[in-house]
Amino acid sequence: MTNSRPTIRDVARQAGVSHQTVSRVINGNEGVLPTTRALVEAAIEQMGYRPNAIARSMARGQTRTLACISQNMTDYTFASVIEGAEVEARQHDYFMLSSSASDPDSFRALVDELVGHRRVDGLIVINPYSDERFEYIPKNFPLVFVGASAHEKNICSVSLDDEKVAYEATHHLISLGHTSIALVTGPMEEDCSQDRTEGYRRALNEAKIEFDETMVIEGDWSATSGQSALLSFIEQGRVPTAVFAQNDRMAMGVLRAARDANIKVPSQLAVIGVDDMPLSSYFDPPLTTMRQDIPRIGQEATRMLLDIIKKKTTDVRDLKLSAQLVIRQSTSEKGGD
């Protein structure tokens, strides 16, 4: 006696029909007589038959698999986007393949393997403009960008409303009385860094504070680059009263440099970041930041991608999500404790 699972041919024999007829019933095809359909459904129920999802997908020309490609798998933001994407994919009975490509050549090879061999039904690409990988984006294939707008390329995208987020972060510092506000950016080839810089400039302009290019230092999203930025200002002898770092890790580096230089935060220097990464509230002092729902970005990207795959929409959509100001002890009124 065996415990093997019943096959489609076992169901066909039980119902007294061909296995092709059973397949048509399973796939909801029309052209099957109601009485025949009832016989097949009864046999399926009686035998406990469960269709092979992979085989069904292959028969329909689908893999039921999506891919999410990022520069690495260790960055907190990337990992959180991927987590949200995977959760959403599972809810729609899709498998999410996550992979990293650290340079354009590895990205091209990965895309050739996944798309060229039809191993996935669609792609999510995180930060495609951080290098030249956007040049190797497949044409006429279901695709969504994360962290970059791509209207000019007719590609759907999901991102944080970076311009608005930076505007609100800078406005918060201005509302506390700060007029000497430095900016530590991410890599300026990336859309989000450019948009956050524009939001910073808009807030200064509205407050009639002159934009000073020497108050802007380009970082690379790392804590080390934030630390180096403040050290540079210290060495120049022109320490600002506030710093807007375009992510929390660079803000953490600013806090470390301030502590090493005996600059008190927030009484001598206010610091604000973006993300609200899990350790932000444990910084010394706890970091004021713009909280974004990073997993939701992945979820929305997956929903958008599935709509494209299922041809529910042909519109190019550019979804931008808001962030929430979370005030902690790293910001205060200028000259306050």
C-alpha atoms as a PDB file:
ATOM      1  CA  MET A   1       0.000   0.000   0.000  1.00  0.00           C
ATOM      2  CA  THR A   2       1.456   3.384  -1.022  1.00  0.00           C
ATOM      3  CA  ASN A   3       0.859   6.960   0.037  1.00  0.00           C
ATOM      4  CA  SER A   4       1.450   8.411  -3.437  1.00  0.00           C
ATOM      5  CA  ARG A   5      -0.656  11.399  -4.372  1.00  0.00           C
ATOM      6  CA  PRO A   6      -3.389  10.840  -6.961  1.00  0.00           C
ATOM      7  CA  THR A   7      -2.601  12.074 -10.459  1.00  0.00           C
ATOM      8  CA  ILE A   8      -4.775  13.710 -13.068  1.00  0.00           C
ATOM      9  CA  ARG A   9      -5.007  10.325 -14.843  1.00  0.00           C
ATOM     10  CA  ASP A  10      -6.253   8.679 -11.626  1.00  0.00           C
ATOM     11  CA  VAL A  11      -9.012  11.289 -11.464  1.00  0.00           C
ATOM     12  CA  ALA A  12      -9.843  10.678 -15.132  1.00  0.00           C
ATOM     13  CA  ARG A  13     -10.220   6.931 -14.541  1.00  0.00           C
ATOM     14  CA  GLN A  14     -12.380   7.535 -11.477  1.00  0.00           C
ATOM     15  CA  ALA A  15     -14.671   9.913 -13.395  1.00  0.00           C
ATOM     16  CA  GLY A  16     -14.671   7.827 -16.581  1.00  0.00           C
ATOM     17  CA  VAL A  17     -13.343  10.670 -18.754  1.00  0.00           C
ATOM     18  CA  SER A  18     -10.089  11.587 -20.495  1.00  0.00           C
ATOM     19  CA  HIS A  19      -7.299  13.343 -18.643  1.00  0.00           C
ATOM     20  CA  GLN A  20      -7.711  16.250 -21.108  1.00  0.00           C
ATOM     21  CA  THR A  21     -11.270  16.702 -19.856  1.00  0.00           C
ATOM     22  CA  VAL A  22     -10.061  16.748 -16.260  1.00  0.00           C
ATOM     23  CA  SER A  23      -7.498  19.404 -17.233  1.00  0.00           C
ATOM     24  CA  ARG A  24     -10.198  21.548 -18.817  1.00  0.00           C
ATOM     25  CA  VAL A  25     -12.309  21.330 -15.664  1.00  0.00           C
ATOM     26  CA  ILE A  26      -9.361  22.237 -13.421  1.00  0.00           C
ATOM     27  CA  ASN A  27      -8.480  25.242 -15.558  1.00  0.00           C
ATOM     28  CA  GLY A  28     -12.070  26.455 -15.751  1.00  0.00           C
ATOM     29  CA  ASN A  29     -12.333  26.065 -19.511  1.00  0.00           C
ATOM     30  CA  GLU A  30     -15.733  26.224 -21.126  1.00  0.00           C
ATOM     31  CA  GLY A  31     -17.029  23.469 -23.361  1.00  0.00           C
ATOM     32  CA  VAL A  32     -17.435  20.827 -20.652  1.00  0.00           C
ATOM     33  CA  LEU A  33     -20.951  19.511 -20.085  1.00  0.00           C
ATOM     34  CA  PRO A  34     -22.335  20.290 -16.622  1.00  0.00           C
ATOM     35  CA  THR A  35     -22.882  16.599 -15.899  1.00  0.00           C
ATOM     36  CA  THR A  36     -19.307  15.785 -16.894  1.00  0.00           C
ATOM     37  CA  ARG A  37     -17.955  18.661 -14.847  1.00  0.00           C
ATOM     38  CA  ALA A  38     -19.888  17.387 -11.827  1.00  0.00           C
ATOM     39  CA  LEU A  39     -18.407  13.886 -12.247  1.00  0.00           C
ATOM     40  CA  VAL A  40     -14.877  15.257 -12.427  1.00  0.00           C
ATOM     41  CA  GLU A  41     -15.348  17.576  -9.444  1.00  0.00           C
ATOM     42  CA  ALA A  42     -16.769  14.679  -7.406  1.00  0.00           C
ATOM     43  CA  ALA A  43     -13.761  12.514  -8.293  1.00  0.00           C
ATOM     44  CA  ILE A  44     -11.364  15.306  -7.351  1.00  0.00           C
ATOM     45  CA  GLU A  45     -13.074  15.727  -3.994  1.00  0.00           C
ATOM     46  CA  GLN A  46     -13.257  11.991  -3.308  1.00  0.00           C
ATOM     47  CA  MET A  47      -9.609  11.344  -4.150  1.00  0.00           C
ATOM     48  CA  GLY A  48      -8.243  14.500  -2.540  1.00  0.00           C
ATOM     49  CA  TYR A  49      -6.516  15.507  -5.749  1.00  0.00           C
ATOM     50  CA  ARG A  50      -4.524  18.748  -5.712  1.00  0.00           C
ATOM     51  CA  PRO A  51      -3.309  20.164  -9.038  1.00  0.00           C
ATOM     52  CA  ASN A  52       0.414  20.728  -9.446  1.00  0.00           C
ATOM     53  CA  ALA A  53       0.755  24.504  -9.333  1.00  0.00           C
ATOM     54  CA  ILE A  54       4.090  24.509 -11.170  1.00  0.00           C
ATOM     55  CA  ALA A  55       2.802  22.315 -13.967  1.00  0.00           C
ATOM     56  CA  ARG A  56      -0.309  24.477 -14.341  1.00  0.00           C
ATOM     57  CA  SER A  57       1.801  27.619 -14.508  1.00  0.00           C
ATOM     58  CA  MET A  58       4.087  26.115 -17.148  1.00  0.00           C
ATOM     59  CA  ALA A  59       1.113  25.032 -19.204  1.00  0.00           C
ATOM     60  CA  ARG A  60      -0.138  28.621 -19.145  1.00  0.00           C
ATOM     61  CA  GLY A  61       3.278  30.031 -20.013  1.00  0.00           C
ATOM     62  CA  GLN A  62       3.795  31.425 -16.493  1.00  0.00           C
ATOM     63  CA  THR A  63       6.293  30.673 -13.760  1.00  0.00           C
ATOM     64  CA  ARG A  64       4.330  32.259 -10.887  1.00  0.00           C
ATOM     65  CA  THR A  65       7.715  33.697  -9.911  1.00  0.00           C
ATOM     66  CA  LEU A  66       8.822  37.328  -9.640  1.00  0.00           C
ATOM     67  CA  ALA A  67      12.306  38.703  -9.099  1.00  0.00           C
ATOM     68  CA  CYS A  68      13.500  41.646  -7.021  1.00  0.00           C
ATOM     69  CA  ILE A  69      17.033  42.833  -7.816  1.00  0.00           C
ATOM     70  CA  SER A  70      18.976  45.204  -5.572  1.00  0.00           C
ATOM     71  CA  GLN A  71      22.604  46.278  -5.265  1.00  0.00           C
ATOM     72  CA  ASN A  72      23.059  44.195  -2.135  1.00  0.00           C
ATOM     73  CA  MET A  73      21.046  42.175   0.344  1.00  0.00           C
ATOM     74  CA  THR A  74      22.453  43.735   3.526  1.00  0.00           C
ATOM     75  CA  ASP A  75      21.300  47.364   3.281  1.00  0.00           C
ATOM     76  CA  TYR A  76      18.430  47.941   5.722  1.00  0.00           C
ATOM     77  CA  THR A  77      16.290  49.828   3.208  1.00  0.00           C
ATOM     78  CA  PHE A  78      16.792  47.291   0.422  1.00  0.00           C
ATOM     79  CA  ALA A  79      16.126  44.361   2.758  1.00  0.00           C
ATOM     80  CA  SER A  80      12.908  45.961   4.033  1.00  0.00           C
ATOM     81  CA  VAL A  81      11.668  46.649   0.490  1.00  0.00           C
ATOM     82  CA  ILE A  82      12.343  43.030  -0.453  1.00  0.00           C
ATOM     83  CA  GLU A  83      10.575  41.778   2.677  1.00  0.00           C
ATOM     84  CA  GLY A  84       7.459  43.764   1.806  1.00  0.00           C
ATOM     85  CA  ALA A  85       7.594  42.546  -1.796  1.00  0.00           C
ATOM     86  CA  GLU A  86       7.887  38.910  -0.722  1.00  0.00           C
ATOM     87  CA  VAL A  87       4.938  39.166   1.680  1.00  0.00           C
ATOM     88  CA  GLU A  88       2.721  40.658  -1.013  1.00  0.00           C
ATOM     89  CA  ALA A  89       3.809  38.104  -3.619  1.00  0.00           C
ATOM     90  CA  ARG A  90       2.912  35.203  -1.329  1.00  0.00           C
ATOM     91  CA  GLN A  91      -0.561  36.608  -0.791  1.00  0.00           C
ATOM     92  CA  HIS A  92      -1.115  36.306  -4.541  1.00  0.00           C
ATOM     93  CA  ASP A  93       0.399  32.803  -4.759  1.00  0.00           C
ATOM     94  CA  TYR A  94       3.597  34.050  -6.362  1.00  0.00           C
ATOM     95  CA  PHE A  95       7.153  33.245  -5.332  1.00  0.00           C
ATOM     96  CA  MET A  96       9.579  36.170  -5.016  1.00  0.00           C
ATOM     97  CA  LEU A  97      13.167  35.495  -6.045  1.00  0.00           C
ATOM     98  CA  SER A  98      15.526  38.013  -4.412  1.00  0.00           C
ATOM     99  CA  SER A  99      18.996  38.586  -5.785  1.00  0.00           C
ATOM    100  CA  SER A 100      21.716  41.228  -5.799  1.00  0.00           C
ATOM    101  CA  ALA A 101      23.855  42.670  -8.564  1.00  0.00           C
ATOM    102  CA  SER A 102      26.631  44.946  -7.339  1.00  0.00           C
ATOM    103  CA  ASP A 103      27.650  46.277 -10.763  1.00  0.00           C
ATOM    104  CA  PRO A 104      26.141  46.726 -14.247  1.00  0.00           C
ATOM    105  CA  ASP A 105      27.825  43.634 -15.724  1.00  0.00           C
ATOM    106  CA  SER A 106      26.479  41.289 -13.043  1.00  0.00           C
ATOM    107  CA  PHE A 107      23.091  42.969 -13.382  1.00  0.00           C
ATOM    108  CA  ARG A 108      23.047  42.372 -17.135  1.00  0.00           C
ATOM    109  CA  ALA A 109      24.032  38.712 -16.673  1.00  0.00           C
ATOM    110  CA  LEU A 110      21.327  38.221 -14.060  1.00  0.00           C
ATOM    111  CA  VAL A 111      18.652  39.852 -16.226  1.00  0.00           C
ATOM    112  CA  ASP A 112      19.714  37.745 -19.223  1.00  0.00           C
ATOM    113  CA  GLU A 113      19.327  34.604 -17.132  1.00  0.00           C
ATOM    114  CA  LEU A 114      15.997  35.529 -15.545  1.00  0.00           C
ATOM    115  CA  VAL A 115      14.319  37.237 -18.484  1.00  0.00           C
ATOM    116  CA  GLY A 116      16.076  35.642 -21.444  1.00  0.00           C
ATOM    117  CA  HIS A 117      15.190  32.160 -20.197  1.00  0.00           C
ATOM    118  CA  ARG A 118      11.736  33.229 -18.962  1.00  0.00           C
ATOM    119  CA  ARG A 119      12.449  32.088 -15.417  1.00  0.00           C
ATOM    120  CA  VAL A 120      10.294  34.889 -13.976  1.00  0.00           C
ATOM    121  CA  ASP A 121       7.084  36.654 -14.972  1.00  0.00           C
ATOM    122  CA  GLY A 122       8.204  40.145 -13.908  1.00  0.00           C
ATOM    123  CA  LEU A 123      10.997  42.222 -12.368  1.00  0.00           C
ATOM    124  CA  ILE A 124      11.314  44.761  -9.559  1.00  0.00           C
ATOM    125  CA  VAL A 125      14.565  46.737  -9.763  1.00  0.00           C
ATOM    126  CA  ILE A 126      15.713  48.794  -6.755  1.00  0.00           C
ATOM    127  CA  ASN A 127      17.724  51.988  -7.401  1.00  0.00           C
ATOM    128  CA  PRO A 128      18.325  51.411 -11.135  1.00  0.00           C
ATOM    129  CA  TYR A 129      20.093  54.761 -11.539  1.00  0.00           C
ATOM    130  CA  SER A 130      22.735  54.234  -8.846  1.00  0.00           C
ATOM    131  CA  ASP A 131      25.033  53.124 -11.689  1.00  0.00           C
ATOM    132  CA  GLU A 132      24.562  52.151 -15.334  1.00  0.00           C
ATOM    133  CA  ARG A 133      22.256  49.185 -14.723  1.00  0.00           C
ATOM    134  CA  PHE A 134      19.243  51.014 -16.133  1.00  0.00           C
ATOM    135  CA  GLU A 135      20.831  50.654 -19.581  1.00  0.00           C
ATOM    136  CA  TYR A 136      20.269  46.899 -19.419  1.00  0.00           C
ATOM    137  CA  ILE A 137      16.601  46.994 -18.493  1.00  0.00           C
ATOM    138  CA  PRO A 138      14.649  44.527 -20.684  1.00  0.00           C
ATOM    139  CA  LYS A 139      12.159  45.956 -23.155  1.00  0.00           C
ATOM    140  CA  ASN A 140       8.528  44.844 -23.347  1.00  0.00           C
ATOM    141  CA  PHE A 141       8.755  42.891 -20.086  1.00  0.00           C
ATOM    142  CA  PRO A 142       6.721  43.489 -16.895  1.00  0.00           C
ATOM    143  CA  LEU A 143       8.876  45.809 -14.814  1.00  0.00           C
ATOM    144  CA  VAL A 144       8.639  48.191 -11.844  1.00  0.00           C
ATOM    145  CA  PHE A 145      11.346  50.504 -10.507  1.00  0.00           C
ATOM    146  CA  VAL A 146      11.731  51.159  -6.778  1.00  0.00           C
ATOM    147  CA  GLY A 147      13.345  54.371  -5.590  1.00  0.00           C
ATOM    148  CA  ALA A 148      13.391  56.072  -8.968  1.00  0.00           C
ATOM    149  CA  SER A 149      10.864  57.668 -11.276  1.00  0.00           C
ATOM    150  CA  ALA A 150      10.884  56.405 -14.866  1.00  0.00           C
ATOM    151  CA  HIS A 151       8.053  58.175 -16.650  1.00  0.00           C
ATOM    152  CA  GLU A 152      10.316  59.153 -19.511  1.00  0.00           C
ATOM    153  CA  LYS A 153      11.078  55.459 -20.069  1.00  0.00           C
ATOM    154  CA  ASN A 154       7.421  54.395 -19.765  1.00  0.00           C
ATOM    155  CA  ILE A 155       8.227  52.276 -16.719  1.00  0.00           C
ATOM    156  CA  CYS A 156       6.060  52.129 -13.588  1.00  0.00           C
ATOM    157  CA  SER A 157       7.710  53.100 -10.318  1.00  0.00           C
ATOM    158  CA  VAL A 158       7.200  53.306  -6.555  1.00  0.00           C
ATOM    159  CA  SER A 159       9.239  55.544  -4.296  1.00  0.00           C
ATOM    160  CA  LEU A 160       9.220  57.822  -1.301  1.00  0.00           C
ATOM    161  CA  ASP A 161       8.090  61.364  -2.090  1.00  0.00           C
ATOM    162  CA  ASP A 162      11.682  62.459  -1.583  1.00  0.00           C
ATOM    163  CA  GLU A 163      11.246  66.122  -2.456  1.00  0.00           C
ATOM    164  CA  LYS A 164       8.397  66.502   0.038  1.00  0.00           C
ATOM    165  CA  VAL A 165      10.232  64.523   2.731  1.00  0.00           C
ATOM    166  CA  ALA A 166      13.315  66.733   2.481  1.00  0.00           C
ATOM    167  CA  TYR A 167      11.195  69.866   2.454  1.00  0.00           C
ATOM    168  CA  GLU A 168       9.442  68.811   5.684  1.00  0.00           C
ATOM    169  CA  ALA A 169      12.716  67.816   7.371  1.00  0.00           C
ATOM    170  CA  THR A 170      14.356  71.139   6.511  1.00  0.00           C
ATOM    171  CA  HIS A 171      11.217  73.079   7.430  1.00  0.00           C
ATOM    172  CA  HIS A 172      11.307  71.430  10.866  1.00  0.00           C
ATOM    173  CA  LEU A 173      14.826  72.750  11.442  1.00  0.00           C
ATOM    174  CA  ILE A 174      13.850  76.208  10.186  1.00  0.00           C
ATOM    175  CA  SER A 175      10.819  76.245  12.496  1.00  0.00           C
ATOM    176  CA  LEU A 176      13.202  75.762  15.412  1.00  0.00           C
ATOM    177  CA  GLY A 177      15.070  78.932  14.447  1.00  0.00           C
ATOM    178  CA  HIS A 178      17.955  77.453  12.488  1.00  0.00           C
ATOM    179  CA  THR A 179      19.255  79.364   9.480  1.00  0.00           C
ATOM    180  CA  SER A 180      22.685  77.733   9.109  1.00  0.00           C
ATOM    181  CA  ILE A 181      21.572  74.304   7.933  1.00  0.00           C
ATOM    182  CA  ALA A 182      24.026  71.922   6.282  1.00  0.00           C
ATOM    183  CA  LEU A 183      22.980  69.091   3.977  1.00  0.00           C
ATOM    184  CA  VAL A 184      24.643  65.686   3.668  1.00  0.00           C
ATOM    185  CA  THR A 185      23.358  64.037   0.494  1.00  0.00           C
ATOM    186  CA  GLY A 186      23.437  60.524  -0.840  1.00  0.00           C
ATOM    187  CA  PRO A 187      25.219  59.855  -4.162  1.00  0.00           C
ATOM    188  CA  MET A 188      24.009  62.619  -6.470  1.00  0.00           C
ATOM    189  CA  GLU A 189      23.566  60.327  -9.473  1.00  0.00           C
ATOM    190  CA  GLU A 190      20.569  58.831  -7.700  1.00  0.00           C
ATOM    191  CA  ASP A 191      17.088  60.313  -8.186  1.00  0.00           C
ATOM    192  CA  CYS A 192      16.265  60.327  -4.489  1.00  0.00           C
ATOM    193  CA  SER A 193      19.383  62.344  -3.607  1.00  0.00           C
ATOM    194  CA  GLN A 194      18.545  64.924  -6.260  1.00  0.00           C
ATOM    195  CA  ASP A 195      14.913  65.157  -5.150  1.00  0.00           C
ATOM    196  CA  ARG A 196      15.851  65.472  -1.467  1.00  0.00           C
ATOM    197  CA  THR A 197      18.301  68.227  -2.339  1.00  0.00           C
ATOM    198  CA  GLU A 198      15.561  70.046  -4.242  1.00  0.00           C
ATOM    199  CA  GLY A 199      13.235  69.778  -1.237  1.00  0.00           C
ATOM    200  CA  TYR A 200      15.953  71.222   0.994  1.00  0.00           C
ATOM    201  CA  ARG A 201      16.443  74.136  -1.407  1.00  0.00           C
ATOM    202  CA  ARG A 202      12.705  74.798  -1.633  1.00  0.00           C
ATOM    203  CA  ALA A 203      12.361  75.010   2.145  1.00  0.00           C
ATOM    204  CA  LEU A 204      15.298  77.423   2.378  1.00  0.00           C
ATOM    205  CA  ASN A 205      13.904  79.537  -0.456  1.00  0.00           C
ATOM    206  CA  GLU A 206      10.471  79.822   1.160  1.00  0.00           C
ATOM    207  CA  ALA A 207      12.128  80.926   4.404  1.00  0.00           C
ATOM    208  CA  LYS A 208      14.245  83.455   2.459  1.00  0.00           C
ATOM    209  CA  ILE A 209      17.445  81.692   3.524  1.00  0.00           C
ATOM    210  CA  GLU A 210      20.081  81.882   0.816  1.00  0.00           C
ATOM    211  CA  PHE A 211      21.160  78.510  -0.596  1.00  0.00           C
ATOM    212  CA  ASP A 212      24.894  78.023  -0.073  1.00  0.00           C
ATOM    213  CA  GLU A 213      26.546  75.264  -2.107  1.00  0.00           C
ATOM    214  CA  THR A 214      29.426  75.114   0.382  1.00  0.00           C
ATOM    215  CA  MET A 215      26.925  73.889   2.987  1.00  0.00           C
ATOM    216  CA  VAL A 216      26.181  70.785   0.913  1.00  0.00           C
ATOM    217  CA  ILE A 217      28.447  67.725   1.082  1.00  0.00           C
ATOM    218  CA  GLU A 218      27.883  64.555  -0.919  1.00  0.00           C
ATOM    219  CA  GLY A 219      27.943  61.307   1.039  1.00  0.00           C
ATOM    220  CA  ASP A 220      27.404  57.674   0.092  1.00  0.00           C
ATOM    221  CA  TRP A 221      24.620  56.679   2.553  1.00  0.00           C
ATOM    222  CA  SER A 222      27.177  55.293   5.041  1.00  0.00           C
ATOM    223  CA  ALA A 223      27.696  56.464   8.623  1.00  0.00           C
ATOM    224  CA  THR A 224      31.340  57.082   7.747  1.00  0.00           C
ATOM    225  CA  SER A 225      30.398  59.624   5.080  1.00  0.00           C
ATOM    226  CA  GLY A 226      28.182  61.493   7.563  1.00  0.00           C
ATOM    227  CA  GLN A 227      31.022  61.567  10.058  1.00  0.00           C
ATOM    228  CA  SER A 228      33.430  62.842   7.397  1.00  0.00           C
ATOM    229  CA  ALA A 229      30.980  65.569   6.366  1.00  0.00           C
ATOM    230  CA  LEU A 230      30.793  67.145   9.820  1.00  0.00           C
ATOM    231  CA  LEU A 231      34.549  66.769  10.304  1.00  0.00           C
ATOM    232  CA  SER A 232      35.002  68.703   7.059  1.00  0.00           C
ATOM    233  CA  PHE A 233      32.891  71.576   8.379  1.00  0.00           C
ATOM    234  CA  ILE A 234      34.829  71.521  11.657  1.00  0.00           C
ATOM    235  CA  GLU A 235      38.159  71.650   9.827  1.00  0.00           C
ATOM    236  CA  GLN A 236      36.886  74.634   7.817  1.00  0.00           C
ATOM    237  CA  GLY A 237      35.917  76.377  11.050  1.00  0.00           C
ATOM    238  CA  ARG A 238      32.309  76.868   9.926  1.00  0.00           C
ATOM    239  CA  VAL A 239      30.170  74.441  11.886  1.00  0.00           C
ATOM    240  CA  PRO A 240      26.440  74.829  11.087  1.00  0.00           C
ATOM    241  CA  THR A 241      23.801  74.929  13.804  1.00  0.00           C
ATOM    242  CA  ALA A 242      21.824  72.118  12.136  1.00  0.00           C
ATOM    243  CA  VAL A 243      22.417  69.216   9.745  1.00  0.00           C
ATOM    244  CA  PHE A 244      19.910  67.452   7.534  1.00  0.00           C
ATOM    245  CA  ALA A 245      21.353  64.064   6.585  1.00  0.00           C
ATOM    246  CA  GLN A 246      19.477  62.349   3.783  1.00  0.00           C
ATOM    247  CA  ASN A 247      19.383  59.041   5.658  1.00  0.00           C
ATOM    248  CA  ASP A 248      19.698  57.847   9.242  1.00  0.00           C
ATOM    249  CA  ARG A 249      23.061  56.133   8.825  1.00  0.00           C
ATOM    250  CA  MET A 250      24.728  59.357   7.698  1.00  0.00           C
ATOM    251  CA  ALA A 251      22.950  61.158  10.553  1.00  0.00           C
ATOM    252  CA  MET A 252      24.443  58.618  12.938  1.00  0.00           C
ATOM    253  CA  GLY A 253      27.897  59.490  11.565  1.00  0.00           C
ATOM    254  CA  VAL A 254      27.192  63.198  12.139  1.00  0.00           C
ATOM    255  CA  LEU A 255      26.233  62.451  15.754  1.00  0.00           C
ATOM    256  CA  ARG A 256      29.458  60.478  16.279  1.00  0.00           C
ATOM    257  CA  ALA A 257      31.597  63.271  14.831  1.00  0.00           C
ATOM    258  CA  ALA A 258      29.805  65.825  17.005  1.00  0.00           C
ATOM    259  CA  ARG A 259      30.420  63.771  20.129  1.00  0.00           C
ATOM    260  CA  ASP A 260      34.108  63.303  19.287  1.00  0.00           C
ATOM    261  CA  ALA A 261      34.428  67.078  18.775  1.00  0.00           C
ATOM    262  CA  ASN A 262      32.566  67.883  22.021  1.00  0.00           C
ATOM    263  CA  ILE A 263      29.760  69.557  20.103  1.00  0.00           C
ATOM    264  CA  LYS A 264      26.564  69.206  22.113  1.00  0.00           C
ATOM    265  CA  VAL A 265      23.479  67.849  20.362  1.00  0.00           C
ATOM    266  CA  PRO A 266      20.982  69.449  20.165  1.00  0.00           C
ATOM    267  CA  SER A 267      22.007  72.635  21.991  1.00  0.00           C
ATOM    268  CA  GLN A 268      24.902  73.383  19.614  1.00  0.00           C
ATOM    269  CA  LEU A 269      23.927  71.223  16.670  1.00  0.00           C
ATOM    270  CA  ALA A 270      20.530  69.852  15.648  1.00  0.00           C
ATOM    271  CA  VAL A 271      20.493  66.697  13.511  1.00  0.00           C
ATOM    272  CA  ILE A 272      17.682  65.090  11.484  1.00  0.00           C
ATOM    273  CA  GLY A 273      17.725  62.040   9.231  1.00  0.00           C
ATOM    274  CA  VAL A 274      15.415  60.002   7.008  1.00  0.00           C
ATOM    275  CA  ASP A 275      14.116  56.402   7.364  1.00  0.00           C
ATOM    276  CA  ASP A 276      13.572  55.825  11.110  1.00  0.00           C
ATOM    277  CA  MET A 277      15.659  52.678  11.002  1.00  0.00           C
ATOM    278  CA  PRO A 278      15.139  50.434  14.062  1.00  0.00           C
ATOM    279  CA  LEU A 279      18.140  51.784  15.998  1.00  0.00           C
ATOM    280  CA  SER A 280      17.300  55.466  15.467  1.00  0.00           C
ATOM    281  CA  SER A 281      15.580  55.773  18.834  1.00  0.00           C
ATOM    282  CA  TYR A 282      18.662  54.242  20.517  1.00  0.00           C
ATOM    283  CA  PHE A 283      21.178  56.738  19.112  1.00  0.00           C
ATOM    284  CA  ASP A 284      22.784  59.156  21.564  1.00  0.00           C
ATOM    285  CA  PRO A 285      20.786  61.320  21.572  1.00  0.00           C
ATOM    286  CA  PRO A 286      17.755  59.603  19.987  1.00  0.00           C
ATOM    287  CA  LEU A 287      17.447  60.777  16.392  1.00  0.00           C
ATOM    288  CA  THR A 288      14.734  63.007  14.969  1.00  0.00           C
ATOM    289  CA  THR A 289      13.893  61.551  11.583  1.00  0.00           C
ATOM    290  CA  MET A 290      11.380  61.216   8.754  1.00  0.00           C
ATOM    291  CA  ARG A 291       9.764  57.795   9.161  1.00  0.00           C
ATOM    292  CA  GLN A 292       8.955  55.973   5.946  1.00  0.00           C
ATOM    293  CA  ASP A 293       7.038  52.701   5.635  1.00  0.00           C
ATOM    294  CA  ILE A 294       9.731  50.865   3.687  1.00  0.00           C
ATOM    295  CA  PRO A 295       8.028  47.428   3.484  1.00  0.00           C
ATOM    296  CA  ARG A 296       4.985  49.150   1.987  1.00  0.00           C
ATOM    297  CA  ILE A 297       7.134  50.336  -0.912  1.00  0.00           C
ATOM    298  CA  GLY A 298       7.873  46.688  -1.719  1.00  0.00           C
ATOM    299  CA  GLN A 299       4.225  45.739  -1.320  1.00  0.00           C
ATOM    300  CA  GLU A 300       3.025  48.492  -3.634  1.00  0.00           C
ATOM    301  CA  ALA A 301       5.694  47.618  -6.204  1.00  0.00           C
ATOM    302  CA  THR A 302       4.536  43.992  -6.222  1.00  0.00           C
ATOM    303  CA  ARG A 303       0.884  44.966  -6.584  1.00  0.00           C
ATOM    304  CA  MET A 304       1.788  47.251  -9.468  1.00  0.00           C
ATOM    305  CA  LEU A 305       3.855  44.515 -11.123  1.00  0.00           C
ATOM    306  CA  LEU A 306       1.055  41.954 -10.832  1.00  0.00           C
ATOM    307  CA  ASP A 307      -1.383  44.427 -12.385  1.00  0.00           C
ATOM    308  CA  ILE A 308       0.989  44.734 -15.334  1.00  0.00           C
ATOM    309  CA  ILE A 309       1.387  40.954 -15.636  1.00  0.00           C
ATOM    310  CA  LYS A 310      -2.367  40.390 -15.471  1.00  0.00           C
ATOM    311  CA  LYS A 311      -2.877  43.287 -17.905  1.00  0.00           C
ATOM    312  CA  LYS A 312      -5.209  45.065 -15.487  1.00  0.00           C
ATOM    313  CA  THR A 313      -3.598  48.329 -16.523  1.00  0.00           C
ATOM    314  CA  THR A 314      -1.490  49.703 -19.342  1.00  0.00           C
ATOM    315  CA  ASP A 315      -0.968  53.109 -17.708  1.00  0.00           C
ATOM    316  CA  VAL A 316       2.479  54.195 -16.580  1.00  0.00           C
ATOM    317  CA  ARG A 317       2.152  54.897 -12.872  1.00  0.00           C
ATOM    318  CA  ASP A 318       4.552  56.761 -10.588  1.00  0.00           C
ATOM    319  CA  LEU A 319       3.441  56.187  -6.990  1.00  0.00           C
ATOM    320  CA  LYS A 320       5.051  58.377  -4.337  1.00  0.00           C
ATOM    321  CA  LEU A 321       4.564  57.633  -0.638  1.00  0.00           C
ATOM    322  CA  SER A 322       4.692  60.107   2.238  1.00  0.00           C
ATOM    323  CA  ALA A 323       6.783  60.034   5.415  1.00  0.00           C
ATOM    324  CA  GLN A 324       6.039  61.088   8.988  1.00  0.00           C
ATOM    325  CA  LEU A 325       8.139  63.466  11.077  1.00  0.00           C
ATOM    326  CA  VAL A 326       9.264  61.756  14.297  1.00  0.00           C
ATOM    327  CA  ILE A 327      10.681  64.290  16.752  1.00  0.00           C
ATOM    328  CA  ARG A 328      13.242  63.028  19.263  1.00  0.00           C
ATOM    329  CA  GLN A 329      16.044  64.598  21.261  1.00  0.00           C
ATOM    330  CA  SER A 330      18.483  65.389  18.424  1.00  0.00           C
ATOM    331  CA  THR A 331      16.632  68.571  17.436  1.00  0.00           C
ATOM    332  CA  SER A 332      15.638  71.600  19.492  1.00  0.00           C
ATOM    333  CA  GLU A 333      15.289  75.333  19.155  1.00  0.00           C
ATOM    334  CA  LYS A 334      18.512  77.070  18.252  1.00  0.00           C
ATOM    335  CA  GLY A 335      20.417  77.697  21.470  1.00  0.00           C
ATOM    336  CA  GLY A 336      18.071  75.469  23.486  1.00  0.00           C
ATOM    337  CA  ASP A 337      19.027  72.492  25.666  1.00  0.00           C
END
